[in-house]
Amino acid sequence: MRIALTLDFAPAETLLAIVTSPDVHYEEALKRISTPAFDALIGHHSQAFYPIPLSREQLALDLMHAASTQPLDGLYRWARPNGFYHFADVRLNAARYRTLFDELRRHEVEMARYTSASLAPYVPAGTELDRRVSFYFNDLSDGWGSGNVSAVPIEYYKDDFPRMFNTMVHETFHAAQGAVQASSPRPARTLATPADSALAAAARQLLIEGTANFIAPAVARSPASADSMSRVGAALLDELATMRTGTWDSRRAQEILNQGVSSAGPFYWLGAAMSRALVARDGPAAIGRAFQSDGLELMRVYVTPTQGSTNTMLSPAVVTWVRALTAGR
């Protein structure tokens, strides 16, 4: 595989410039964040699984108050150093952030090599990816991807380079996933009911976030904690299966899907556990093959017995459901 990785500091530089402009007007802040880079930020952070959906207007307002010289705003920044969506911290440490940007620019080539080497075993041979990693400042998430944007909110890491590089690998792997899927035929699925569609949506998160979490965990967890989260994810899928054969509750189903992914939730860890089992059984290339299909195929392969073993974290009801939806693949 070949990954051409470049670093993009423009979003973070824009935010840094705004927050260090004393008493910047709301209209000026709003204008400067009305670009495609911030369309991606707003689009991602306004999704239902975020506890506080972000709007462009809210972002501009926080920037304005973080840049304000008014005594009340200054008092709030003093009392809450991470206030105003972290922009109080950004304003206070602006010079140190600029020094950090210079340091990262000096090591751009090494960072690209590290990311490429981390992903290579899990991506189909011949995959080519030209990817730009964009640095932001934004509360609510320490790494995200949207469309063609792989984002690293740098205030979560500062100069903690191992954690930062881990997030770059995680988010760049999402881009590699997209590149593989774009060049692969999609399987034909008959999703006849809202329940089937909900399971397919959950399966997609197991594939997208779970495999990325296996390669580069979104947060640090002990093996026991990761196992516990995986079992919560399995229980959420079992709840969907129970509703499917009883009374379907679309509102609860959406809550389950949101809970599965919110804040690197249970589906990240269940998907990682499934990925780990597949790699142990079939080798690292199993991850790349999964992306040439879909999440339901990942689940089908995972629950397929091998050498007489039927060991799986998924309940019998979920296993039966998966097999029904993937019969004939």
C-alpha atoms as a PDB file:
ATOM      1  CA  MET A   1       0.000   0.000   0.000  1.00  0.00           C
ATOM      2  CA  ARG A   2       1.027   3.638  -0.384  1.00  0.00           C
ATOM      3  CA  ILE A   3      -0.072   6.466   1.882  1.00  0.00           C
ATOM      4  CA  ALA A   4       0.863  10.030   1.038  1.00  0.00           C
ATOM      5  CA  LEU A   5       0.142  11.950   4.224  1.00  0.00           C
ATOM      6  CA  THR A   6       0.311  15.711   4.589  1.00  0.00           C
ATOM      7  CA  LEU A   7      -0.423  17.899   7.583  1.00  0.00           C
ATOM      8  CA  ASP A   8      -2.894  20.766   7.376  1.00  0.00           C
ATOM      9  CA  PHE A   9      -2.696  23.423  10.072  1.00  0.00           C
ATOM     10  CA  ALA A  10      -5.071  25.885   8.379  1.00  0.00           C
ATOM     11  CA  PRO A  11      -8.183  25.223  10.541  1.00  0.00           C
ATOM     12  CA  ALA A  12      -6.207  25.458  13.799  1.00  0.00           C
ATOM     13  CA  GLU A  13      -4.316  28.530  12.557  1.00  0.00           C
ATOM     14  CA  THR A  14      -7.626  30.216  11.665  1.00  0.00           C
ATOM     15  CA  LEU A  15      -9.075  29.510  15.098  1.00  0.00           C
ATOM     16  CA  LEU A  16      -5.863  30.635  16.780  1.00  0.00           C
ATOM     17  CA  ALA A  17      -5.891  33.902  14.812  1.00  0.00           C
ATOM     18  CA  ILE A  18      -9.507  34.600  15.739  1.00  0.00           C
ATOM     19  CA  VAL A  19      -9.094  33.902  19.439  1.00  0.00           C
ATOM     20  CA  THR A  20      -6.002  36.133  19.654  1.00  0.00           C
ATOM     21  CA  SER A  21      -7.769  39.072  17.985  1.00  0.00           C
ATOM     22  CA  PRO A  22      -8.862  41.203  20.979  1.00  0.00           C
ATOM     23  CA  ASP A  23     -12.629  41.838  20.992  1.00  0.00           C
ATOM     24  CA  VAL A  24     -13.172  40.236  17.608  1.00  0.00           C
ATOM     25  CA  HIS A  25     -16.690  40.886  16.352  1.00  0.00           C
ATOM     26  CA  TYR A  26     -19.134  38.012  16.198  1.00  0.00           C
ATOM     27  CA  GLU A  27     -19.771  38.659  12.493  1.00  0.00           C
ATOM     28  CA  GLU A  28     -16.049  38.508  11.713  1.00  0.00           C
ATOM     29  CA  ALA A  29     -15.617  35.246  13.620  1.00  0.00           C
ATOM     30  CA  LEU A  30     -18.642  33.771  11.861  1.00  0.00           C
ATOM     31  CA  LYS A  31     -17.309  34.789   8.441  1.00  0.00           C
ATOM     32  CA  ARG A  32     -13.891  33.234   9.059  1.00  0.00           C
ATOM     33  CA  ILE A  33     -15.369  29.881  10.072  1.00  0.00           C
ATOM     34  CA  SER A  34     -17.735  29.746   7.078  1.00  0.00           C
ATOM     35  CA  THR A  35     -15.459  27.559   4.949  1.00  0.00           C
ATOM     36  CA  PRO A  36     -15.500  23.878   3.884  1.00  0.00           C
ATOM     37  CA  ALA A  37     -13.078  22.934   6.688  1.00  0.00           C
ATOM     38  CA  PHE A  38     -15.564  24.213   9.252  1.00  0.00           C
ATOM     39  CA  ASP A  39     -18.535  22.785   7.351  1.00  0.00           C
ATOM     40  CA  ALA A  40     -16.960  19.394   8.136  1.00  0.00           C
ATOM     41  CA  LEU A  41     -16.515  20.278  11.806  1.00  0.00           C
ATOM     42  CA  ILE A  42     -20.090  21.530  12.206  1.00  0.00           C
ATOM     43  CA  GLY A  43     -21.512  18.605  10.244  1.00  0.00           C
ATOM     44  CA  HIS A  44     -19.740  16.034  12.372  1.00  0.00           C
ATOM     45  CA  HIS A  45     -20.337  17.694  15.740  1.00  0.00           C
ATOM     46  CA  SER A  46     -24.047  18.262  15.159  1.00  0.00           C
ATOM     47  CA  GLN A  47     -24.773  14.519  15.011  1.00  0.00           C
ATOM     48  CA  ALA A  48     -27.289  13.031  17.421  1.00  0.00           C
ATOM     49  CA  PHE A  49     -24.779  11.098  19.514  1.00  0.00           C
ATOM     50  CA  TYR A  50     -23.127  14.312  20.728  1.00  0.00           C
ATOM     51  CA  PRO A  51     -24.699  15.530  23.986  1.00  0.00           C
ATOM     52  CA  ILE A  52     -24.417  19.160  22.833  1.00  0.00           C
ATOM     53  CA  PRO A  53     -24.842  19.500  19.050  1.00  0.00           C
ATOM     54  CA  LEU A  54     -22.550  22.218  17.710  1.00  0.00           C
ATOM     55  CA  SER A  55     -23.745  25.003  15.423  1.00  0.00           C
ATOM     56  CA  ARG A  56     -21.619  27.508  13.514  1.00  0.00           C
ATOM     57  CA  GLU A  57     -23.278  30.312  15.458  1.00  0.00           C
ATOM     58  CA  GLN A  58     -22.364  28.705  18.784  1.00  0.00           C
ATOM     59  CA  LEU A  59     -18.786  28.240  17.672  1.00  0.00           C
ATOM     60  CA  ALA A  60     -18.522  31.893  16.609  1.00  0.00           C
ATOM     61  CA  LEU A  61     -20.000  33.006  19.930  1.00  0.00           C
ATOM     62  CA  ASP A  62     -17.469  31.001  21.923  1.00  0.00           C
ATOM     63  CA  LEU A  63     -14.611  32.402  19.844  1.00  0.00           C
ATOM     64  CA  MET A  64     -15.880  35.940  20.396  1.00  0.00           C
ATOM     65  CA  HIS A  65     -16.042  35.501  24.176  1.00  0.00           C
ATOM     66  CA  ALA A  66     -12.661  33.780  24.315  1.00  0.00           C
ATOM     67  CA  ALA A  67     -11.119  36.769  22.493  1.00  0.00           C
ATOM     68  CA  SER A  68     -12.981  39.355  24.559  1.00  0.00           C
ATOM     69  CA  THR A  69     -11.200  41.827  26.841  1.00  0.00           C
ATOM     70  CA  GLN A  70     -14.367  42.405  28.885  1.00  0.00           C
ATOM     71  CA  PRO A  71     -13.876  41.777  32.637  1.00  0.00           C
ATOM     72  CA  LEU A  72     -16.684  39.199  32.915  1.00  0.00           C
ATOM     73  CA  ASP A  73     -15.277  37.124  30.042  1.00  0.00           C
ATOM     74  CA  GLY A  74     -11.820  37.370  31.579  1.00  0.00           C
ATOM     75  CA  LEU A  75     -13.157  36.212  34.947  1.00  0.00           C
ATOM     76  CA  TYR A  76     -14.838  33.221  33.308  1.00  0.00           C
ATOM     77  CA  ARG A  77     -11.623  32.263  31.483  1.00  0.00           C
ATOM     78  CA  TRP A  78      -9.755  32.445  34.782  1.00  0.00           C
ATOM     79  CA  ALA A  79     -12.349  30.304  36.565  1.00  0.00           C
ATOM     80  CA  ARG A  80     -12.732  27.836  33.676  1.00  0.00           C
ATOM     81  CA  PRO A  81      -9.406  27.478  31.821  1.00  0.00           C
ATOM     82  CA  ASN A  82     -11.018  24.974  29.431  1.00  0.00           C
ATOM     83  CA  GLY A  83     -14.116  27.094  28.950  1.00  0.00           C
ATOM     84  CA  PHE A  84     -15.580  28.421  25.720  1.00  0.00           C
ATOM     85  CA  TYR A  85     -15.114  25.042  23.964  1.00  0.00           C
ATOM     86  CA  HIS A  86     -11.435  25.002  25.054  1.00  0.00           C
ATOM     87  CA  PHE A  87     -10.730  28.395  23.472  1.00  0.00           C
ATOM     88  CA  ALA A  88      -9.866  29.924  26.830  1.00  0.00           C
ATOM     89  CA  ASP A  89      -6.902  27.534  26.922  1.00  0.00           C
ATOM     90  CA  VAL A  90      -6.062  28.248  23.290  1.00  0.00           C
ATOM     91  CA  ARG A  91      -5.907  31.988  23.907  1.00  0.00           C
ATOM     92  CA  LEU A  92      -3.791  31.600  27.053  1.00  0.00           C
ATOM     93  CA  ASN A  93      -1.292  29.238  25.388  1.00  0.00           C
ATOM     94  CA  ALA A  94      -1.295  30.665  21.858  1.00  0.00           C
ATOM     95  CA  ALA A  95       2.495  31.094  21.654  1.00  0.00           C
ATOM     96  CA  ARG A  96       3.103  27.530  22.835  1.00  0.00           C
ATOM     97  CA  TYR A  97       0.652  26.169  20.288  1.00  0.00           C
ATOM     98  CA  ARG A  98       2.463  28.019  17.494  1.00  0.00           C
ATOM     99  CA  THR A  99       5.767  26.498  18.661  1.00  0.00           C
ATOM    100  CA  LEU A 100       4.119  23.077  18.651  1.00  0.00           C
ATOM    101  CA  PHE A 101       2.932  23.581  15.059  1.00  0.00           C
ATOM    102  CA  ASP A 102       6.505  24.375  14.001  1.00  0.00           C
ATOM    103  CA  GLU A 103       7.767  21.212  15.700  1.00  0.00           C
ATOM    104  CA  LEU A 104       5.184  19.052  13.945  1.00  0.00           C
ATOM    105  CA  ARG A 105       6.005  20.585  10.569  1.00  0.00           C
ATOM    106  CA  ARG A 106       9.663  19.644  11.042  1.00  0.00           C
ATOM    107  CA  HIS A 107       8.725  15.981  11.501  1.00  0.00           C
ATOM    108  CA  GLU A 108       6.007  15.643   8.876  1.00  0.00           C
ATOM    109  CA  VAL A 109       7.871  12.996   6.847  1.00  0.00           C
ATOM    110  CA  GLU A 110       8.536  10.779   9.875  1.00  0.00           C
ATOM    111  CA  MET A 111       4.898  11.048  10.960  1.00  0.00           C
ATOM    112  CA  ALA A 112       3.740   9.947   7.528  1.00  0.00           C
ATOM    113  CA  ARG A 113       6.073   6.935   7.571  1.00  0.00           C
ATOM    114  CA  TYR A 114       4.893   5.918  11.043  1.00  0.00           C
ATOM    115  CA  THR A 115       1.235   6.104  10.033  1.00  0.00           C
ATOM    116  CA  SER A 116       1.787   4.157   6.826  1.00  0.00           C
ATOM    117  CA  ALA A 117       3.723   1.386   8.598  1.00  0.00           C
ATOM    118  CA  SER A 118       1.019   1.100  11.267  1.00  0.00           C
ATOM    119  CA  LEU A 119      -1.735   0.573   8.701  1.00  0.00           C
ATOM    120  CA  ALA A 120       0.053  -1.520   6.070  1.00  0.00           C
ATOM    121  CA  PRO A 121      -0.639  -5.000   7.544  1.00  0.00           C
ATOM    122  CA  TYR A 122      -4.389  -4.385   7.612  1.00  0.00           C
ATOM    123  CA  VAL A 123      -5.024  -2.801   4.222  1.00  0.00           C
ATOM    124  CA  PRO A 124      -5.321  -4.739   0.935  1.00  0.00           C
ATOM    125  CA  ALA A 125      -2.199  -4.707  -1.207  1.00  0.00           C
ATOM    126  CA  GLY A 126      -2.271  -2.046  -3.877  1.00  0.00           C
ATOM    127  CA  THR A 127      -4.309   0.430  -1.842  1.00  0.00           C
ATOM    128  CA  GLU A 128      -3.233   4.002  -2.503  1.00  0.00           C
ATOM    129  CA  LEU A 129      -4.238   6.915  -0.343  1.00  0.00           C
ATOM    130  CA  ASP A 130      -3.467  10.601  -0.553  1.00  0.00           C
ATOM    131  CA  ARG A 131      -4.600  11.976   2.771  1.00  0.00           C
ATOM    132  CA  ARG A 132      -4.414  15.256   4.583  1.00  0.00           C
ATOM    133  CA  VAL A 133      -4.637  15.282   8.380  1.00  0.00           C
ATOM    134  CA  SER A 134      -6.126  18.561   9.570  1.00  0.00           C
ATOM    135  CA  PHE A 135      -5.500  20.046  12.973  1.00  0.00           C
ATOM    136  CA  TYR A 136      -8.329  21.800  14.788  1.00  0.00           C
ATOM    137  CA  PHE A 137      -9.278  23.066  18.194  1.00  0.00           C
ATOM    138  CA  ASN A 138     -12.688  21.726  19.157  1.00  0.00           C
ATOM    139  CA  ASP A 139     -14.334  20.439  22.287  1.00  0.00           C
ATOM    140  CA  LEU A 140     -16.434  17.226  22.491  1.00  0.00           C
ATOM    141  CA  SER A 141     -14.144  14.887  20.522  1.00  0.00           C
ATOM    142  CA  ASP A 142     -10.413  14.139  20.513  1.00  0.00           C
ATOM    143  CA  GLY A 143     -10.451  12.871  16.923  1.00  0.00           C
ATOM    144  CA  TRP A 144     -12.985  12.640  14.143  1.00  0.00           C
ATOM    145  CA  GLY A 145     -13.468  12.182  10.429  1.00  0.00           C
ATOM    146  CA  SER A 146     -16.026  13.620   8.048  1.00  0.00           C
ATOM    147  CA  GLY A 147     -16.022  13.278   4.271  1.00  0.00           C
ATOM    148  CA  ASN A 148     -12.458  13.886   3.130  1.00  0.00           C
ATOM    149  CA  VAL A 149     -11.362  15.383   6.464  1.00  0.00           C
ATOM    150  CA  SER A 150      -9.316  13.481   9.062  1.00  0.00           C
ATOM    151  CA  ALA A 151      -9.197  15.727  12.103  1.00  0.00           C
ATOM    152  CA  VAL A 152      -6.940  15.891  15.156  1.00  0.00           C
ATOM    153  CA  PRO A 153      -8.102  18.446  17.770  1.00  0.00           C
ATOM    154  CA  ILE A 154      -4.668  19.364  18.995  1.00  0.00           C
ATOM    155  CA  GLU A 155      -5.605  20.807  22.398  1.00  0.00           C
ATOM    156  CA  TYR A 156      -6.385  17.285  23.606  1.00  0.00           C
ATOM    157  CA  TYR A 157      -2.761  16.249  23.032  1.00  0.00           C
ATOM    158  CA  LYS A 158      -0.504  19.291  23.128  1.00  0.00           C
ATOM    159  CA  ASP A 159       2.989  17.703  23.022  1.00  0.00           C
ATOM    160  CA  ASP A 160       1.868  14.185  24.017  1.00  0.00           C
ATOM    161  CA  PHE A 161       3.075  12.826  20.684  1.00  0.00           C
ATOM    162  CA  PRO A 162       2.389   9.106  21.268  1.00  0.00           C
ATOM    163  CA  ARG A 163      -1.300   9.802  21.901  1.00  0.00           C
ATOM    164  CA  MET A 164      -1.455  12.236  19.003  1.00  0.00           C
ATOM    165  CA  PHE A 165       0.127   9.754  16.576  1.00  0.00           C
ATOM    166  CA  ASN A 166      -2.262   7.049  17.768  1.00  0.00           C
ATOM    167  CA  THR A 167      -5.195   9.296  16.865  1.00  0.00           C
ATOM    168  CA  MET A 168      -3.643  10.088  13.492  1.00  0.00           C
ATOM    169  CA  VAL A 169      -3.384   6.371  12.767  1.00  0.00           C
ATOM    170  CA  HIS A 170      -6.994   5.823  13.884  1.00  0.00           C
ATOM    171  CA  GLU A 171      -8.395   8.654  11.781  1.00  0.00           C
ATOM    172  CA  THR A 172      -6.197   7.935   8.751  1.00  0.00           C
ATOM    173  CA  PHE A 173      -7.335   4.323   8.865  1.00  0.00           C
ATOM    174  CA  HIS A 174     -10.869   5.615   8.400  1.00  0.00           C
ATOM    175  CA  ALA A 175      -9.696   7.208   5.168  1.00  0.00           C
ATOM    176  CA  ALA A 176      -8.091   3.934   4.082  1.00  0.00           C
ATOM    177  CA  GLN A 177     -11.371   2.164   4.832  1.00  0.00           C
ATOM    178  CA  GLY A 178     -13.168   4.566   2.533  1.00  0.00           C
ATOM    179  CA  ALA A 179     -10.613   4.083  -0.233  1.00  0.00           C
ATOM    180  CA  VAL A 180     -11.022   0.292  -0.089  1.00  0.00           C
ATOM    181  CA  GLN A 181     -14.805   0.469   0.020  1.00  0.00           C
ATOM    182  CA  ALA A 182     -14.969   2.919  -2.878  1.00  0.00           C
ATOM    183  CA  SER A 183     -13.167   0.440  -5.136  1.00  0.00           C
ATOM    184  CA  SER A 184     -15.102  -2.641  -3.971  1.00  0.00           C
ATOM    185  CA  PRO A 185     -18.558  -3.828  -5.068  1.00  0.00           C
ATOM    186  CA  ARG A 186     -21.177  -3.559  -2.352  1.00  0.00           C
ATOM    187  CA  PRO A 187     -23.116  -6.685  -1.404  1.00  0.00           C
ATOM    188  CA  ALA A 188     -26.834  -6.731  -2.160  1.00  0.00           C
ATOM    189  CA  ARG A 189     -28.786  -6.857   1.095  1.00  0.00           C
ATOM    190  CA  THR A 190     -32.507  -7.229   1.701  1.00  0.00           C
ATOM    191  CA  LEU A 191     -33.268  -5.136   4.768  1.00  0.00           C
ATOM    192  CA  ALA A 192     -36.984  -5.743   4.964  1.00  0.00           C
ATOM    193  CA  THR A 193     -37.719  -4.180   8.354  1.00  0.00           C
ATOM    194  CA  PRO A 194     -36.613  -1.242  10.506  1.00  0.00           C
ATOM    195  CA  ALA A 195     -34.974  -3.814  12.792  1.00  0.00           C
ATOM    196  CA  ASP A 196     -32.856  -5.169   9.933  1.00  0.00           C
ATOM    197  CA  SER A 197     -31.793  -1.643   9.036  1.00  0.00           C
ATOM    198  CA  ALA A 198     -30.856  -0.956  12.668  1.00  0.00           C
ATOM    199  CA  LEU A 199     -28.679  -4.063  12.845  1.00  0.00           C
ATOM    200  CA  ALA A 200     -27.002  -3.095   9.563  1.00  0.00           C
ATOM    201  CA  ALA A 201     -26.304   0.381  10.989  1.00  0.00           C
ATOM    202  CA  ALA A 202     -24.809  -1.137  14.136  1.00  0.00           C
ATOM    203  CA  ALA A 203     -22.762  -3.565  12.044  1.00  0.00           C
ATOM    204  CA  ARG A 204     -21.340  -0.670  10.044  1.00  0.00           C
ATOM    205  CA  GLN A 205     -20.083   0.917  13.273  1.00  0.00           C
ATOM    206  CA  LEU A 206     -18.534  -2.394  14.348  1.00  0.00           C
ATOM    207  CA  LEU A 207     -16.720  -2.445  11.011  1.00  0.00           C
ATOM    208  CA  ILE A 208     -15.722   1.215  10.737  1.00  0.00           C
ATOM    209  CA  GLU A 209     -14.990   2.138  14.345  1.00  0.00           C
ATOM    210  CA  GLY A 210     -14.311  -1.334  15.717  1.00  0.00           C
ATOM    211  CA  THR A 211     -11.494  -2.195  13.331  1.00  0.00           C
ATOM    212  CA  ALA A 212      -9.944   1.260  13.742  1.00  0.00           C
ATOM    213  CA  ASN A 213     -10.173   0.857  17.502  1.00  0.00           C
ATOM    214  CA  PHE A 214      -8.402  -2.499  17.247  1.00  0.00           C
ATOM    215  CA  ILE A 215      -5.503  -0.946  15.323  1.00  0.00           C
ATOM    216  CA  ALA A 216      -5.317   2.304  17.332  1.00  0.00           C
ATOM    217  CA  PRO A 217      -7.604   2.459  20.404  1.00  0.00           C
ATOM    218  CA  ALA A 218      -9.537   5.696  20.670  1.00  0.00           C
ATOM    219  CA  VAL A 219      -8.923   5.805  24.439  1.00  0.00           C
ATOM    220  CA  ALA A 220      -6.712   3.817  26.793  1.00  0.00           C
ATOM    221  CA  ARG A 221      -8.491   0.982  28.608  1.00  0.00           C
ATOM    222  CA  SER A 222      -7.270  -1.966  30.620  1.00  0.00           C
ATOM    223  CA  PRO A 223      -8.014  -5.408  29.140  1.00  0.00           C
ATOM    224  CA  ALA A 224     -10.726  -5.908  31.762  1.00  0.00           C
ATOM    225  CA  SER A 225     -12.330  -2.552  30.973  1.00  0.00           C
ATOM    226  CA  ALA A 226     -12.208  -3.191  27.226  1.00  0.00           C
ATOM    227  CA  ASP A 227     -13.799  -6.608  27.749  1.00  0.00           C
ATOM    228  CA  SER A 228     -16.539  -5.057  29.879  1.00  0.00           C
ATOM    229  CA  MET A 229     -17.294  -2.468  27.195  1.00  0.00           C
ATOM    230  CA  SER A 230     -17.361  -5.202  24.546  1.00  0.00           C
ATOM    231  CA  ARG A 231     -19.976  -7.076  26.554  1.00  0.00           C
ATOM    232  CA  VAL A 232     -22.077  -3.943  26.885  1.00  0.00           C
ATOM    233  CA  GLY A 233     -21.968  -3.661  23.086  1.00  0.00           C
ATOM    234  CA  ALA A 234     -23.064  -7.277  22.728  1.00  0.00           C
ATOM    235  CA  ALA A 235     -25.919  -6.645  25.175  1.00  0.00           C
ATOM    236  CA  LEU A 236     -27.071  -3.652  23.109  1.00  0.00           C
ATOM    237  CA  LEU A 237     -27.237  -5.838  19.992  1.00  0.00           C
ATOM    238  CA  ASP A 238     -29.144  -8.470  21.957  1.00  0.00           C
ATOM    239  CA  GLU A 239     -31.644  -5.812  23.005  1.00  0.00           C
ATOM    240  CA  LEU A 240     -32.212  -4.995  19.326  1.00  0.00           C
ATOM    241  CA  ALA A 241     -32.753  -8.699  18.646  1.00  0.00           C
ATOM    242  CA  THR A 242     -35.259  -8.934  21.516  1.00  0.00           C
ATOM    243  CA  MET A 243     -37.239  -5.954  20.224  1.00  0.00           C
ATOM    244  CA  ARG A 244     -37.155  -7.415  16.731  1.00  0.00           C
ATOM    245  CA  THR A 245     -39.111 -10.491  17.822  1.00  0.00           C
ATOM    246  CA  GLY A 246     -41.323  -8.530  20.218  1.00  0.00           C
ATOM    247  CA  THR A 247     -42.392  -4.894  20.091  1.00  0.00           C
ATOM    248  CA  TRP A 248     -40.168  -2.725  17.940  1.00  0.00           C
ATOM    249  CA  ASP A 249     -39.358   0.640  19.530  1.00  0.00           C
ATOM    250  CA  SER A 250     -37.712   2.895  16.948  1.00  0.00           C
ATOM    251  CA  ARG A 251     -36.866   5.531  19.536  1.00  0.00           C
ATOM    252  CA  ARG A 252     -35.075   3.016  21.748  1.00  0.00           C
ATOM    253  CA  ALA A 253     -33.334   1.558  18.702  1.00  0.00           C
ATOM    254  CA  GLN A 254     -31.869   4.982  17.890  1.00  0.00           C
ATOM    255  CA  GLU A 255     -30.779   5.382  21.509  1.00  0.00           C
ATOM    256  CA  ILE A 256     -28.968   2.049  21.243  1.00  0.00           C
ATOM    257  CA  LEU A 257     -27.176   3.123  18.058  1.00  0.00           C
ATOM    258  CA  ASN A 258     -26.178   6.422  19.652  1.00  0.00           C
ATOM    259  CA  GLN A 259     -24.993   4.749  22.857  1.00  0.00           C
ATOM    260  CA  GLY A 260     -22.947   2.298  20.847  1.00  0.00           C
ATOM    261  CA  VAL A 261     -20.731   4.992  19.334  1.00  0.00           C
ATOM    262  CA  SER A 262     -20.956   8.020  21.643  1.00  0.00           C
ATOM    263  CA  SER A 263     -17.629   8.869  23.315  1.00  0.00           C
ATOM    264  CA  ALA A 264     -15.843   5.849  21.841  1.00  0.00           C
ATOM    265  CA  GLY A 265     -18.679   3.698  23.093  1.00  0.00           C
ATOM    266  CA  PRO A 266     -19.336  -0.055  23.330  1.00  0.00           C
ATOM    267  CA  PHE A 267     -19.456  -0.714  19.575  1.00  0.00           C
ATOM    268  CA  TYR A 268     -15.844   0.494  19.299  1.00  0.00           C
ATOM    269  CA  TRP A 269     -14.773  -2.185  21.773  1.00  0.00           C
ATOM    270  CA  LEU A 270     -17.031  -4.980  20.573  1.00  0.00           C
ATOM    271  CA  GLY A 271     -15.807  -4.369  17.021  1.00  0.00           C
ATOM    272  CA  ALA A 272     -12.206  -4.341  18.253  1.00  0.00           C
ATOM    273  CA  ALA A 273     -12.726  -7.649  20.059  1.00  0.00           C
ATOM    274  CA  MET A 274     -14.250  -9.156  16.917  1.00  0.00           C
ATOM    275  CA  SER A 275     -11.332  -7.835  14.850  1.00  0.00           C
ATOM    276  CA  ARG A 276      -8.810  -9.269  17.273  1.00  0.00           C
ATOM    277  CA  ALA A 277     -10.473 -12.689  17.055  1.00  0.00           C
ATOM    278  CA  LEU A 278     -10.496 -12.570  13.242  1.00  0.00           C
ATOM    279  CA  VAL A 279      -6.828 -11.545  13.045  1.00  0.00           C
ATOM    280  CA  ALA A 280      -5.863 -14.329  15.459  1.00  0.00           C
ATOM    281  CA  ARG A 281      -7.811 -16.812  13.360  1.00  0.00           C
ATOM    282  CA  ASP A 282      -7.283 -15.587   9.783  1.00  0.00           C
ATOM    283  CA  GLY A 283      -4.355 -13.153   9.923  1.00  0.00           C
ATOM    284  CA  PRO A 284      -4.149  -9.325   9.564  1.00  0.00           C
ATOM    285  CA  ALA A 285      -5.439  -9.420   5.965  1.00  0.00           C
ATOM    286  CA  ALA A 286      -8.861 -10.366   7.364  1.00  0.00           C
ATOM    287  CA  ILE A 287      -9.382  -6.699   8.271  1.00  0.00           C
ATOM    288  CA  GLY A 288      -8.757  -5.521   4.717  1.00  0.00           C
ATOM    289  CA  ARG A 289     -11.086  -8.201   3.328  1.00  0.00           C
ATOM    290  CA  ALA A 290     -13.836  -6.988   5.646  1.00  0.00           C
ATOM    291  CA  PHE A 291     -13.696  -3.556   4.034  1.00  0.00           C
ATOM    292  CA  GLN A 292     -14.236  -5.075   0.632  1.00  0.00           C
ATOM    293  CA  SER A 293     -17.713  -5.986   1.870  1.00  0.00           C
ATOM    294  CA  ASP A 294     -19.783  -4.512   4.718  1.00  0.00           C
ATOM    295  CA  GLY A 295     -20.414  -4.688   8.451  1.00  0.00           C
ATOM    296  CA  LEU A 296     -22.879  -7.546   8.211  1.00  0.00           C
ATOM    297  CA  GLU A 297     -20.259  -9.594   6.365  1.00  0.00           C
ATOM    298  CA  LEU A 298     -17.789  -8.848   9.159  1.00  0.00           C
ATOM    299  CA  MET A 299     -20.333 -10.214  11.631  1.00  0.00           C
ATOM    300  CA  ARG A 300     -21.029 -13.265   9.438  1.00  0.00           C
ATOM    301  CA  VAL A 301     -17.366 -14.188   9.201  1.00  0.00           C
ATOM    302  CA  TYR A 302     -16.941 -13.622  12.935  1.00  0.00           C
ATOM    303  CA  VAL A 303     -19.792 -15.998  13.872  1.00  0.00           C
ATOM    304  CA  THR A 304     -18.840 -18.654  11.305  1.00  0.00           C
ATOM    305  CA  PRO A 305     -17.701 -21.784  13.194  1.00  0.00           C
ATOM    306  CA  THR A 306     -14.122 -22.905  12.588  1.00  0.00           C
ATOM    307  CA  GLN A 307     -12.612 -26.212  13.622  1.00  0.00           C
ATOM    308  CA  GLY A 308     -15.725 -27.029  15.612  1.00  0.00           C
ATOM    309  CA  SER A 309     -15.600 -23.804  17.635  1.00  0.00           C
ATOM    310  CA  THR A 310     -18.691 -21.606  17.937  1.00  0.00           C
ATOM    311  CA  ASN A 311     -17.214 -19.246  20.517  1.00  0.00           C
ATOM    312  CA  THR A 312     -18.635 -15.728  20.069  1.00  0.00           C
ATOM    313  CA  MET A 313     -19.488 -12.745  22.245  1.00  0.00           C
ATOM    314  CA  LEU A 314     -22.810 -12.382  20.431  1.00  0.00           C
ATOM    315  CA  SER A 315     -26.018 -13.924  21.715  1.00  0.00           C
ATOM    316  CA  PRO A 316     -27.664 -16.830  19.849  1.00  0.00           C
ATOM    317  CA  ALA A 317     -30.490 -14.496  18.817  1.00  0.00           C
ATOM    318  CA  VAL A 318     -28.033 -12.054  17.201  1.00  0.00           C
ATOM    319  CA  VAL A 319     -26.080 -14.863  15.531  1.00  0.00           C
ATOM    320  CA  THR A 320     -29.283 -16.284  14.021  1.00  0.00           C
ATOM    321  CA  TRP A 321     -30.306 -12.824  12.823  1.00  0.00           C
ATOM    322  CA  VAL A 322     -26.921 -12.186  11.210  1.00  0.00           C
ATOM    323  CA  ARG A 323     -26.995 -15.508   9.404  1.00  0.00           C
ATOM    324  CA  ALA A 324     -30.511 -14.828   8.104  1.00  0.00           C
ATOM    325  CA  LEU A 325     -29.484 -11.436   6.675  1.00  0.00           C
ATOM    326  CA  THR A 326     -26.278 -12.759   5.099  1.00  0.00           C
ATOM    327  CA  ALA A 327     -27.601 -16.032   3.696  1.00  0.00           C
ATOM    328  CA  GLY A 328     -26.195 -16.219   0.180  1.00  0.00           C
ATOM    329  CA  ARG A 329     -24.056 -13.169   1.167  1.00  0.00           C
END
